[in-house]
């Protein structure tokens, strides 16, 4: 990768991680904090305050993606970061759960995932794009693990208002990074492409279904696994990071050879399908061996190896398949399905666990993954990427 490609990928991955930090930091402590608020006894309201971020993200991804195609990536990213900061400060000053809910909805409205991934695609050559996307995927996983470690500490030292204010300040700093650290993407001129062309593209449909299943499975897993860690590993919630953090680091390192080999030898379809098959085996393993400590930790590691491979390769494929003038729109649709998957994973996982059993959650996920595997097996071969000279910056 060239110096500009590395700078683009690392700076944009850090911005992506910042936004996910805003989502993850409140998860371990908000239910406890809500009990100190006047309307904190309303479990539905508390749940909505935690989940509204993802829902407003789902509604905003396509408009922001289309806008980034039309008005430029950086401009839209800055607007989204401003909305994120405003929402953070609204939530920081809130004295009720409803006030936090409003702030979280404003935060989520800055739906810039599509614009960020489109800018990464614009700024990297084909043969390096999956590696750049892997940086984003890795940053999300590490941010999640990090949030489990620092969230209780931050809550004790600066409180929930302080956590929200901190994410607001970091968002403003991120604007400076976008404007002055992230290199400008090459200037490209293409005829506008209607959204209907993106929505009807069969290959994009495969990837959109895939990201929906991937993130539904991730969220559904976390409906079940934390209580299992408490019950069968005798590990209190505050110590769960001792499991997640090393697994996140190890799984990110473990997935890199598969990505490099797939890219170098034109075997990305095999790597892609293999990761889906691994995800299916993990879900079947959870179904059978969820209560066995060694198996549980091993399955978590395998899950995140598969997750990281798929999280890196799918948006790279979207950017490659989409019409050049509609990368933002295509990634907007993709990220919308990702957000809906997270929302449905929590809802479906919770319902199945409550009405059937925790292990039944993984059967539901396995059935959806089998369909994904069939769809992926029938996708066209992914051609080996040819090297090209670095793009001239605008």
Protein backbone atom coordinates (compact mmCIF):
# COMPACT_ATOMS: atom_id res chain seq x y z
CA UNK A 1 0.00 0.00 0.00
CA UNK A 2 1.20 3.53 -0.75
CA UNK A 3 1.68 6.12 1.97
CA UNK A 4 -1.55 7.90 1.03
CA UNK A 5 -3.49 4.63 1.01
CA UNK A 6 -2.21 3.77 4.48
CA UNK A 7 -3.00 7.27 5.73
CA UNK A 8 -6.52 7.15 4.27
CA UNK A 9 -7.25 3.69 5.65
CA UNK A 10 -5.91 4.34 9.15
CA UNK A 11 -7.50 7.77 9.58
CA UNK A 12 -10.89 6.64 8.29
CA UNK A 13 -10.77 3.42 10.32
CA UNK A 14 -10.14 5.53 13.44
CA UNK A 15 -13.18 7.67 12.65
CA UNK A 16 -15.30 4.56 12.10
CA UNK A 17 -14.05 3.19 15.42
CA UNK A 18 -14.92 6.44 17.17
CA UNK A 19 -18.53 6.21 16.05
CA UNK A 20 -18.76 2.59 17.17
CA UNK A 21 -17.20 3.59 20.49
CA UNK A 22 -20.13 5.97 20.93
CA UNK A 23 -22.43 2.98 20.49
CA UNK A 24 -20.50 0.45 22.57
CA UNK A 25 -19.43 2.54 25.58
CA UNK A 26 -22.90 2.82 27.05
CA UNK A 27 -23.87 -0.85 26.64
CA UNK A 28 -22.18 -2.23 29.79
CA UNK A 29 -23.35 0.55 32.13
CA UNK A 30 -26.48 2.29 30.80
CA UNK A 31 -28.98 -0.16 32.30
CA UNK A 32 -27.43 0.53 35.71
CA UNK A 33 -27.30 4.29 35.13
CA UNK A 34 -30.93 4.39 33.94
CA UNK A 35 -32.10 3.33 37.42
CA UNK A 36 -30.88 6.68 38.75
CA UNK A 37 -33.13 8.62 36.33
CA UNK A 38 -36.80 9.51 36.95
CA UNK A 39 -38.12 7.34 34.11
CA UNK A 40 -35.47 4.63 34.46
CA UNK A 41 -37.93 2.00 35.67
CA UNK A 42 -39.46 1.79 32.19
CA UNK A 43 -37.59 -1.21 30.69
CA UNK A 44 -38.98 -0.58 27.20
CA UNK A 45 -37.79 3.03 27.23
CA UNK A 46 -34.35 1.99 28.46
CA UNK A 47 -34.11 -0.60 25.68
CA UNK A 48 -35.18 1.95 23.08
CA UNK A 49 -32.59 4.43 24.34
CA UNK A 50 -29.89 1.79 23.83
CA UNK A 51 -31.13 0.62 20.42
CA UNK A 52 -32.40 3.84 18.81
CA UNK A 53 -28.87 4.67 17.62
CA UNK A 54 -28.85 1.67 15.28
CA UNK A 55 -32.39 2.31 14.08
CA UNK A 56 -31.73 5.93 13.13
CA UNK A 57 -28.52 4.73 11.44
CA UNK A 58 -30.60 2.40 9.28
CA UNK A 59 -32.81 5.23 8.07
CA UNK A 60 -29.88 7.53 7.31
CA UNK A 61 -27.41 5.30 5.49
CA UNK A 62 -28.93 5.41 2.00
CA UNK A 63 -29.58 9.20 1.92
CA UNK A 64 -26.07 9.91 3.25
CA UNK A 65 -24.54 7.45 0.79
CA UNK A 66 -26.35 9.02 -2.17
CA UNK A 67 -25.41 12.50 -0.94
CA UNK A 68 -21.75 11.48 -0.77
CA UNK A 69 -21.91 10.42 -4.44
CA UNK A 70 -23.39 13.79 -5.37
CA UNK A 71 -21.73 16.30 -3.05
CA UNK A 72 -18.44 14.63 -2.08
CA UNK A 73 -17.42 12.15 0.64
CA UNK A 74 -15.60 14.49 3.01
CA UNK A 75 -18.38 17.07 3.12
CA UNK A 76 -20.96 14.44 4.08
CA UNK A 77 -18.65 12.82 6.65
CA UNK A 78 -18.14 16.20 8.34
CA UNK A 79 -21.91 16.84 8.44
CA UNK A 80 -22.43 13.39 9.98
CA UNK A 81 -19.75 13.99 12.61
CA UNK A 82 -21.37 17.31 13.54
CA UNK A 83 -24.71 15.52 14.03
CA UNK A 84 -22.93 12.87 16.10
CA UNK A 85 -21.37 15.55 18.32
CA UNK A 86 -24.65 17.44 18.74
CA UNK A 87 -26.41 14.23 19.76
CA UNK A 88 -23.63 13.38 22.20
CA UNK A 89 -23.92 16.75 23.92
CA UNK A 90 -27.73 16.49 24.05
CA UNK A 91 -27.42 13.08 25.71
CA UNK A 92 -24.71 14.40 28.06
CA UNK A 93 -27.06 17.08 29.38
CA UNK A 94 -30.09 14.79 29.63
CA UNK A 95 -31.66 14.17 33.03
CA UNK A 96 -34.16 11.54 31.84
CA UNK A 97 -34.01 8.37 29.76
CA UNK A 98 -36.17 10.11 27.16
CA UNK A 99 -33.58 12.87 26.90
CA UNK A 100 -30.84 10.29 26.34
CA UNK A 101 -33.04 8.60 23.72
CA UNK A 102 -33.36 11.88 21.81
CA UNK A 103 -29.62 12.47 21.95
CA UNK A 104 -28.87 8.93 20.79
CA UNK A 105 -31.30 9.31 17.88
CA UNK A 106 -29.50 12.50 16.78
CA UNK A 107 -26.14 10.71 17.10
CA UNK A 108 -27.35 7.87 14.92
CA UNK A 109 -28.74 10.28 12.33
CA UNK A 110 -25.15 11.08 11.36
CA UNK A 111 -25.08 7.87 9.32
CA UNK A 112 -21.70 8.15 7.62
CA UNK A 113 -20.64 4.50 7.42
CA UNK A 114 -21.39 4.40 3.69
CA UNK A 115 -19.54 7.64 3.01
CA UNK A 116 -16.49 6.47 4.97
CA UNK A 117 -16.28 3.08 3.26
CA UNK A 118 -16.88 4.72 -0.13
CA UNK A 119 -14.01 7.15 0.54
CA UNK A 120 -11.76 4.22 1.46
CA UNK A 121 -12.76 2.54 -1.81
CA UNK A 122 -12.06 5.75 -3.74
CA UNK A 123 -8.64 6.11 -2.10
CA UNK A 124 -7.27 2.57 -2.47
CA UNK A 125 -6.35 0.39 -5.41
CA UNK A 126 -8.26 -2.87 -6.01
CA UNK A 127 -5.46 -5.13 -4.81
CA UNK A 128 -5.24 -3.32 -1.46
CA UNK A 129 -8.90 -2.52 -0.81
CA UNK A 130 -9.73 -5.60 1.25
CA UNK A 131 -6.75 -4.91 3.51
CA UNK A 132 -8.01 -1.36 4.02
CA UNK A 133 -11.49 -2.64 4.82
CA UNK A 134 -9.91 -5.13 7.22
CA UNK A 135 -8.52 -2.18 9.17
CA UNK A 136 -12.07 -0.90 9.57
CA UNK A 137 -13.38 -4.31 10.59
CA UNK A 138 -10.54 -4.81 13.04
CA UNK A 139 -11.08 -1.36 14.52
CA UNK A 140 -14.72 -2.22 15.21
CA UNK A 141 -13.86 -5.47 16.99
CA UNK A 142 -11.09 -3.91 19.04
CA UNK A 143 -13.30 -0.94 19.91
CA UNK A 144 -15.95 -3.30 21.22
CA UNK A 145 -13.45 -5.13 23.41
CA UNK A 146 -11.88 -1.87 24.59
CA UNK A 147 -15.29 -0.47 25.53
CA UNK A 148 -15.88 -3.43 27.85
CA UNK A 149 -12.66 -2.54 29.68
CA UNK A 150 -12.90 1.24 29.93
CA UNK A 151 -16.67 1.83 30.13
CA UNK A 152 -17.05 0.91 33.83
CA UNK A 153 -13.90 2.90 34.66
CA UNK A 154 -15.10 5.98 32.78
CA UNK A 155 -18.55 5.71 34.36
CA UNK A 156 -17.01 5.70 37.83
CA UNK A 157 -14.74 8.66 37.11
CA UNK A 158 -16.76 11.00 34.87
CA UNK A 159 -20.29 9.56 34.88
CA UNK A 160 -22.63 8.89 31.97
CA UNK A 161 -22.80 12.58 31.06
CA UNK A 162 -19.03 12.67 30.92
CA UNK A 163 -18.91 9.63 28.63
CA UNK A 164 -21.32 11.27 26.18
CA UNK A 165 -19.45 14.58 26.34
CA UNK A 166 -16.15 12.77 25.70
CA UNK A 167 -17.51 11.11 22.56
CA UNK A 168 -18.79 14.52 21.43
CA UNK A 169 -15.36 16.10 21.84
CA UNK A 170 -13.70 13.17 20.05
CA UNK A 171 -16.16 13.61 17.20
CA UNK A 172 -15.12 17.24 16.79
CA UNK A 173 -11.47 16.16 16.77
CA UNK A 174 -12.36 13.61 14.09
CA UNK A 175 -13.57 16.46 11.86
CA UNK A 176 -10.06 17.90 11.99
CA UNK A 177 -8.67 14.47 11.05
CA UNK A 178 -11.00 14.23 8.04
CA UNK A 179 -10.16 17.71 6.79
CA UNK A 180 -6.41 17.81 7.43
CA UNK A 181 -5.11 14.22 7.80
CA UNK A 182 -7.19 12.10 5.42
CA UNK A 183 -5.91 12.60 1.85
CA UNK A 184 -8.34 13.79 -0.80
CA UNK A 185 -9.63 11.01 -3.03
CA UNK A 186 -8.98 11.10 -6.78
CA UNK A 187 -11.43 13.31 -8.67
CA UNK A 188 -13.68 11.04 -10.75
CA UNK A 189 -16.37 12.01 -13.24
CA UNK A 190 -19.19 9.55 -13.92
CA UNK A 191 -22.74 9.75 -15.18
CA UNK A 192 -25.32 9.59 -12.35
CA UNK A 193 -26.78 6.14 -11.68
CA UNK A 194 -30.38 5.71 -10.41
CA UNK A 195 -30.81 3.99 -7.05
CA UNK A 196 -33.04 1.41 -8.75
CA UNK A 197 -29.98 0.08 -10.63
CA UNK A 198 -28.23 -0.53 -7.31
CA UNK A 199 -31.28 -2.17 -5.74
CA UNK A 200 -31.77 -4.56 -8.69
CA UNK A 201 -28.14 -5.70 -8.89
CA UNK A 202 -28.15 -9.43 -8.09
CA UNK A 203 -24.55 -9.58 -6.89
CA UNK A 204 -25.11 -6.66 -4.52
CA UNK A 205 -28.24 -8.42 -3.22
CA UNK A 206 -26.09 -11.42 -2.24
CA UNK A 207 -23.76 -9.20 -0.23
CA UNK A 208 -26.61 -7.24 1.35
CA UNK A 209 -28.24 -10.45 2.57
CA UNK A 210 -24.85 -11.59 3.82
CA UNK A 211 -24.17 -8.54 5.96
CA UNK A 212 -27.72 -8.77 7.36
CA UNK A 213 -27.13 -12.37 8.49
CA UNK A 214 -23.61 -11.65 9.76
CA UNK A 215 -24.66 -8.84 12.08
CA UNK A 216 -27.92 -10.52 13.10
CA UNK A 217 -25.80 -13.49 14.21
CA UNK A 218 -23.35 -11.24 16.05
CA UNK A 219 -26.03 -9.43 18.03
CA UNK A 220 -28.01 -12.63 18.70
CA UNK A 221 -24.85 -14.27 20.02
CA UNK A 222 -24.35 -11.48 22.54
CA UNK A 223 -27.91 -11.96 23.77
CA UNK A 224 -26.84 -15.43 24.95
CA UNK A 225 -23.08 -15.58 25.53
CA UNK A 226 -22.63 -13.02 28.38
CA UNK A 227 -24.97 -14.91 30.70
CA UNK A 228 -23.20 -18.17 29.80
CA UNK A 229 -19.85 -16.64 30.74
CA UNK A 230 -21.30 -15.68 34.11
CA UNK A 231 -23.01 -19.02 34.74
CA UNK A 232 -20.53 -21.57 33.46
CA UNK A 233 -17.18 -19.75 33.62
CA UNK A 234 -18.10 -17.99 36.88
CA UNK A 235 -16.88 -14.75 35.27
CA UNK A 236 -18.56 -11.51 36.39
CA UNK A 237 -19.65 -9.06 33.70
CA UNK A 238 -16.93 -6.57 34.66
CA UNK A 239 -14.31 -9.21 33.80
CA UNK A 240 -15.69 -10.33 30.43
CA UNK A 241 -13.10 -8.19 28.67
CA UNK A 242 -10.49 -10.75 29.83
CA UNK A 243 -12.10 -13.15 27.35
CA UNK A 244 -13.09 -10.75 24.58
CA UNK A 245 -9.94 -8.62 24.31
CA UNK A 246 -7.38 -11.41 23.66
CA UNK A 247 -9.86 -13.17 21.35
CA UNK A 248 -10.34 -9.97 19.32
CA UNK A 249 -6.58 -9.45 18.93
CA UNK A 250 -5.87 -13.09 18.13
CA UNK A 251 -8.73 -13.46 15.65
CA UNK A 252 -7.71 -10.31 13.77
CA UNK A 253 -4.16 -11.64 13.38
CA UNK A 254 -5.44 -15.10 12.43
CA UNK A 255 -7.64 -13.81 9.60
CA UNK A 256 -4.86 -11.83 7.88
CA UNK A 257 -3.18 -14.81 6.12
CA UNK A 258 -6.51 -15.85 4.58
CA UNK A 259 -7.07 -12.33 3.22
CA UNK A 260 -3.52 -12.01 1.87
CA UNK A 261 -3.53 -15.47 0.25
CA UNK A 262 -6.99 -14.94 -1.23
CA UNK A 263 -5.99 -11.61 -2.73
CA UNK A 264 -2.56 -12.74 -3.98
CA UNK A 265 -3.68 -15.97 -5.65
CA UNK A 266 -7.18 -15.02 -6.76
CA UNK A 267 -8.88 -17.28 -4.21
CA UNK A 268 -11.15 -14.72 -2.54
CA UNK A 269 -14.32 -16.61 -3.40
CA UNK A 270 -12.95 -19.72 -1.68
CA UNK A 271 -11.89 -17.65 1.34
CA UNK A 272 -15.27 -15.93 1.41
CA UNK A 273 -17.29 -19.16 1.17
CA UNK A 274 -14.96 -20.84 3.67
CA UNK A 275 -15.57 -18.08 6.21
CA UNK A 276 -19.35 -18.51 5.85
CA UNK A 277 -18.95 -22.28 6.31
CA UNK A 278 -16.84 -21.62 9.43
CA UNK A 279 -19.56 -19.30 10.73
CA UNK A 280 -22.10 -22.09 10.23
CA UNK A 281 -19.92 -24.62 12.06
CA UNK A 282 -19.48 -22.16 14.94
CA UNK A 283 -23.23 -21.74 15.30
CA UNK A 284 -23.75 -25.50 15.33
CA UNK A 285 -20.93 -25.73 17.88
CA UNK A 286 -22.61 -23.15 20.12
CA UNK A 287 -25.83 -25.14 19.85
CA UNK A 288 -24.14 -28.34 21.07
CA UNK A 289 -21.31 -27.18 23.35
CA UNK A 290 -22.42 -23.80 24.72
CA UNK A 291 -22.00 -24.86 28.35
CA UNK A 292 -18.45 -26.23 28.02
CA UNK A 293 -15.88 -23.53 28.93
CA UNK A 294 -13.03 -24.58 26.62
CA UNK A 295 -15.39 -25.13 23.69
CA UNK A 296 -17.08 -21.77 24.33
CA UNK A 297 -13.81 -19.83 24.21
CA UNK A 298 -12.63 -21.74 21.12
CA UNK A 299 -15.93 -21.11 19.34
CA UNK A 300 -15.78 -17.39 20.16
CA UNK A 301 -12.31 -17.26 18.61
CA UNK A 302 -13.50 -19.08 15.48
CA UNK A 303 -16.56 -16.82 15.25
CA UNK A 304 -14.44 -13.68 15.19
CA UNK A 305 -11.99 -15.13 12.66
CA UNK A 306 -14.94 -15.73 10.31
CA UNK A 307 -16.52 -12.40 11.24
CA UNK A 308 -13.35 -10.41 10.54
CA UNK A 309 -12.80 -12.08 7.15
CA UNK A 310 -16.39 -11.37 6.09
CA UNK A 311 -16.39 -7.87 7.56
CA UNK A 312 -13.28 -7.04 5.52
CA UNK A 313 -14.18 -8.70 2.24
CA UNK A 314 -17.87 -7.80 1.82
CA UNK A 315 -17.67 -3.98 1.67
CA UNK A 316 -14.63 -4.32 -0.58
CA UNK A 317 -16.71 -6.45 -2.95
CA UNK A 318 -19.61 -3.98 -2.81
CA UNK A 319 -17.31 -1.13 -3.82
CA UNK A 320 -15.93 -3.24 -6.65
CA UNK A 321 -19.28 -4.44 -8.02
CA UNK A 322 -21.20 -1.16 -7.67
CA UNK A 323 -21.24 1.34 -10.57
CA UNK A 324 -18.47 3.91 -9.91
CA UNK A 325 -20.97 6.77 -9.68
CA UNK A 326 -23.08 4.86 -7.13
CA UNK A 327 -20.53 3.48 -4.65
CA UNK A 328 -21.97 5.62 -1.88
CA UNK A 329 -25.52 4.56 -2.67
CA UNK A 330 -24.56 0.85 -2.84
CA UNK A 331 -22.66 1.05 0.45
CA UNK A 332 -25.61 2.98 1.91
CA UNK A 333 -27.92 0.06 1.11
CA UNK A 334 -25.30 -2.36 2.44
CA UNK A 335 -24.91 -0.47 5.72
CA UNK A 336 -28.67 -0.16 6.07
CA UNK A 337 -28.97 -3.95 5.96
CA UNK A 338 -26.12 -4.14 8.47
CA UNK A 339 -27.99 -1.86 10.91
CA UNK A 340 -31.26 -3.73 10.40
CA UNK A 341 -29.39 -6.97 11.06
CA UNK A 342 -28.12 -5.63 14.38
CA UNK A 343 -31.62 -4.52 15.34
CA UNK A 344 -33.22 -7.83 14.30
CA UNK A 345 -30.47 -9.85 15.97
CA UNK A 346 -31.26 -8.31 19.33
CA UNK A 347 -35.01 -8.65 18.85
CA UNK A 348 -35.03 -12.18 17.42
CA UNK A 349 -32.33 -13.41 19.79
CA UNK A 350 -34.19 -12.05 22.80
CA UNK A 351 -37.52 -13.52 21.71
CA UNK A 352 -36.10 -16.96 20.93
CA UNK A 353 -34.12 -17.09 24.17
CA UNK A 354 -37.15 -16.07 26.23
CA UNK A 355 -39.67 -18.35 24.52
CA UNK A 356 -37.50 -21.34 23.54
CA UNK A 357 -33.91 -21.50 24.84
CA UNK A 358 -30.52 -19.88 24.52
CA UNK A 359 -29.19 -22.70 22.35
CA UNK A 360 -32.19 -22.33 20.00
CA UNK A 361 -30.90 -18.88 19.06
CA UNK A 362 -27.99 -20.52 17.26
CA UNK A 363 -30.28 -22.89 15.34
CA UNK A 364 -32.16 -19.88 13.94
CA UNK A 365 -28.84 -18.23 12.98
CA UNK A 366 -27.57 -21.49 11.46
CA UNK A 367 -30.64 -21.81 9.23
CA UNK A 368 -30.13 -18.28 7.91
CA UNK A 369 -26.42 -18.97 7.39
CA UNK A 370 -27.16 -22.14 5.39
CA UNK A 371 -29.18 -20.00 2.98
CA UNK A 372 -26.30 -17.49 2.83
CA UNK A 373 -23.86 -20.31 2.09
CA UNK A 374 -26.01 -21.53 -0.82
CA UNK A 375 -26.24 -18.00 -2.19
CA UNK A 376 -22.46 -17.48 -1.87
CA UNK A 377 -21.54 -20.79 -3.49
CA UNK A 378 -23.47 -19.72 -6.58
CA UNK A 379 -21.81 -16.32 -6.85
CA UNK A 380 -19.39 -15.77 -9.77
CA UNK A 381 -15.68 -16.29 -9.21
CA UNK A 382 -13.88 -13.24 -7.86
CA UNK A 383 -11.11 -12.41 -10.33
CA UNK A 384 -7.57 -11.88 -9.13
CA UNK A 385 -6.93 -8.20 -8.70
CA UNK A 386 -4.31 -6.72 -10.95
CA UNK A 387 -1.87 -4.21 -9.68
CA UNK A 388 -2.24 -0.62 -10.77
CA UNK A 389 -0.25 2.50 -10.21
CA UNK A 390 -1.35 4.63 -7.25
CA UNK A 391 -4.08 7.04 -8.19
CA UNK A 392 -3.18 10.67 -8.65
CA UNK A 393 -4.67 12.72 -5.85
CA UNK A 394 -7.02 15.56 -6.68
